[in-house]
N, C-alpha and C. Protein backbone atom coordinates (compact mmCIF):
# COMPACT_ATOMS: atom_id res chain seq x y z
N MET A 1 -4.16 35.91 2.70
CA MET A 1 -4.92 35.21 1.69
C MET A 1 -6.41 35.37 1.97
N PRO A 2 -7.19 35.42 0.91
CA PRO A 2 -8.64 35.54 1.10
C PRO A 2 -9.23 34.27 1.74
N TRP A 3 -10.41 34.42 2.32
CA TRP A 3 -11.04 33.31 3.03
C TRP A 3 -11.36 32.15 2.12
N TYR A 4 -11.68 32.42 0.86
CA TYR A 4 -12.07 31.32 -0.02
C TYR A 4 -10.88 30.45 -0.41
N ILE A 5 -9.67 30.98 -0.35
CA ILE A 5 -8.48 30.16 -0.60
C ILE A 5 -8.30 29.18 0.55
N TRP A 6 -8.50 29.66 1.78
CA TRP A 6 -8.41 28.78 2.94
C TRP A 6 -9.48 27.68 2.87
N LEU A 7 -10.67 28.05 2.44
CA LEU A 7 -11.74 27.07 2.29
C LEU A 7 -11.37 26.03 1.24
N LEU A 8 -10.83 26.48 0.13
CA LEU A 8 -10.42 25.56 -0.93
C LEU A 8 -9.31 24.63 -0.44
N LEU A 9 -8.35 25.16 0.30
CA LEU A 9 -7.28 24.32 0.86
C LEU A 9 -7.84 23.28 1.81
N ALA A 10 -8.79 23.68 2.64
CA ALA A 10 -9.40 22.73 3.58
C ALA A 10 -10.15 21.63 2.84
N VAL A 11 -10.86 21.99 1.80
CA VAL A 11 -11.60 20.99 1.02
C VAL A 11 -10.65 20.02 0.33
N VAL A 12 -9.59 20.54 -0.26
CA VAL A 12 -8.62 19.68 -0.95
C VAL A 12 -7.94 18.74 0.03
N LEU A 13 -7.44 19.27 1.14
CA LEU A 13 -6.79 18.42 2.13
C LEU A 13 -7.76 17.40 2.72
N GLY A 14 -8.99 17.82 2.97
CA GLY A 14 -9.99 16.89 3.49
C GLY A 14 -10.31 15.77 2.52
N SER A 15 -10.38 16.09 1.25
CA SER A 15 -10.67 15.04 0.27
C SER A 15 -9.50 14.08 0.11
N ILE A 16 -8.27 14.59 0.20
CA ILE A 16 -7.10 13.70 0.12
C ILE A 16 -7.06 12.77 1.33
N ILE A 17 -7.20 13.33 2.51
CA ILE A 17 -7.16 12.52 3.72
C ILE A 17 -8.32 11.54 3.77
N GLY A 18 -9.51 12.00 3.37
CA GLY A 18 -10.66 11.10 3.34
C GLY A 18 -10.48 9.96 2.36
N GLY A 19 -9.92 10.26 1.20
CA GLY A 19 -9.66 9.21 0.21
C GLY A 19 -8.67 8.18 0.72
N LEU A 20 -7.61 8.65 1.39
CA LEU A 20 -6.64 7.71 1.94
C LEU A 20 -7.24 6.85 3.04
N LEU A 21 -8.08 7.45 3.88
CA LEU A 21 -8.72 6.67 4.94
C LEU A 21 -9.69 5.64 4.36
N MET A 22 -10.42 5.99 3.31
CA MET A 22 -11.32 5.04 2.67
C MET A 22 -10.54 3.90 2.02
N LEU A 23 -9.39 4.23 1.42
CA LEU A 23 -8.56 3.20 0.81
C LEU A 23 -8.04 2.24 1.86
N ARG A 24 -7.61 2.78 3.01
CA ARG A 24 -7.12 1.93 4.09
C ARG A 24 -8.23 1.06 4.66
N ALA A 25 -9.43 1.61 4.78
CA ALA A 25 -10.55 0.84 5.34
C ALA A 25 -10.99 -0.27 4.39
N GLY A 26 -10.83 -0.05 3.10
CA GLY A 26 -11.25 -1.05 2.13
C GLY A 26 -10.24 -2.15 1.90
N ALA A 27 -9.02 -1.96 2.39
CA ALA A 27 -7.98 -2.98 2.20
C ALA A 27 -8.29 -4.17 3.10
N ARG A 28 -8.06 -5.34 2.57
CA ARG A 28 -8.28 -6.54 3.38
C ARG A 28 -7.16 -7.53 3.10
N LYS A 29 -6.93 -8.37 4.06
CA LYS A 29 -5.88 -9.37 3.92
C LYS A 29 -6.38 -10.49 3.00
N ILE A 30 -5.44 -11.04 2.26
CA ILE A 30 -5.78 -12.15 1.37
C ILE A 30 -5.57 -13.45 2.13
N PRO A 31 -6.61 -14.25 2.25
CA PRO A 31 -6.44 -15.52 2.96
C PRO A 31 -5.61 -16.50 2.11
N LEU A 32 -4.50 -16.94 2.65
CA LEU A 32 -3.62 -17.87 1.94
C LEU A 32 -3.54 -19.17 2.72
N THR A 33 -3.44 -20.26 1.98
CA THR A 33 -3.23 -21.55 2.62
C THR A 33 -1.76 -21.68 2.98
N GLU A 34 -1.44 -22.65 3.80
CA GLU A 34 -0.05 -22.87 4.19
C GLU A 34 0.82 -23.20 2.98
N GLU A 35 0.26 -23.96 2.04
CA GLU A 35 1.01 -24.32 0.83
C GLU A 35 1.35 -23.07 0.02
N GLN A 36 0.41 -22.17 -0.10
CA GLN A 36 0.66 -20.94 -0.84
C GLN A 36 1.72 -20.09 -0.15
N LYS A 37 1.66 -20.03 1.18
CA LYS A 37 2.67 -19.27 1.93
C LYS A 37 4.06 -19.87 1.74
N GLN A 38 4.14 -21.21 1.72
CA GLN A 38 5.43 -21.87 1.51
C GLN A 38 5.97 -21.59 0.12
N ARG A 39 5.09 -21.62 -0.89
CA ARG A 39 5.54 -21.34 -2.26
C ARG A 39 6.03 -19.90 -2.40
N ILE A 40 5.36 -18.97 -1.74
CA ILE A 40 5.79 -17.57 -1.78
C ILE A 40 7.15 -17.43 -1.12
N ALA A 41 7.34 -18.07 0.04
CA ALA A 41 8.62 -18.00 0.74
C ALA A 41 9.73 -18.61 -0.11
N GLN A 42 9.42 -19.70 -0.81
CA GLN A 42 10.42 -20.34 -1.67
C GLN A 42 10.78 -19.43 -2.83
N ARG A 43 9.81 -18.81 -3.46
CA ARG A 43 10.09 -17.88 -4.57
C ARG A 43 10.92 -16.69 -4.10
N ASN A 44 10.60 -16.18 -2.91
CA ASN A 44 11.37 -15.07 -2.36
C ASN A 44 12.81 -15.47 -2.11
N ALA A 45 13.01 -16.67 -1.57
CA ALA A 45 14.37 -17.15 -1.31
C ALA A 45 15.13 -17.32 -2.62
N GLU A 46 14.47 -17.85 -3.64
CA GLU A 46 15.12 -18.02 -4.95
C GLU A 46 15.49 -16.66 -5.55
N ALA A 47 14.60 -15.70 -5.43
CA ALA A 47 14.87 -14.37 -5.97
C ALA A 47 16.02 -13.71 -5.22
N ASP A 48 16.06 -13.87 -3.91
CA ASP A 48 17.16 -13.32 -3.11
C ASP A 48 18.49 -13.95 -3.50
N ALA A 49 18.48 -15.26 -3.71
CA ALA A 49 19.71 -15.96 -4.10
C ALA A 49 20.17 -15.48 -5.48
N GLU A 50 19.25 -15.29 -6.39
CA GLU A 50 19.61 -14.82 -7.74
C GLU A 50 20.15 -13.39 -7.68
N ASP A 51 19.54 -12.56 -6.85
CA ASP A 51 20.04 -11.19 -6.68
C ASP A 51 21.46 -11.18 -6.12
N ALA A 52 21.71 -12.08 -5.17
CA ALA A 52 23.04 -12.16 -4.55
C ALA A 52 24.07 -12.61 -5.58
N ARG A 53 23.69 -13.52 -6.50
CA ARG A 53 24.61 -13.97 -7.54
C ARG A 53 24.91 -12.88 -8.56
N ASN A 54 23.93 -12.02 -8.81
CA ASN A 54 24.09 -10.98 -9.84
C ASN A 54 24.86 -9.76 -9.33
N ARG A 55 25.13 -9.69 -8.06
CA ARG A 55 25.86 -8.53 -7.52
C ARG A 55 27.33 -8.69 -7.62
């Protein structure tokens, strides 16, 4: 393959990897209160129970 194809491949792969790293660096955890965590756990338990009934 010609050299410019290799250069193009390197640029494309570099931009994909760089974009993924920037996305990971920009991600942050959502601060939740204990009440919110309990409500989420309750909804998950209800959804699991409903899934088990539907099987």
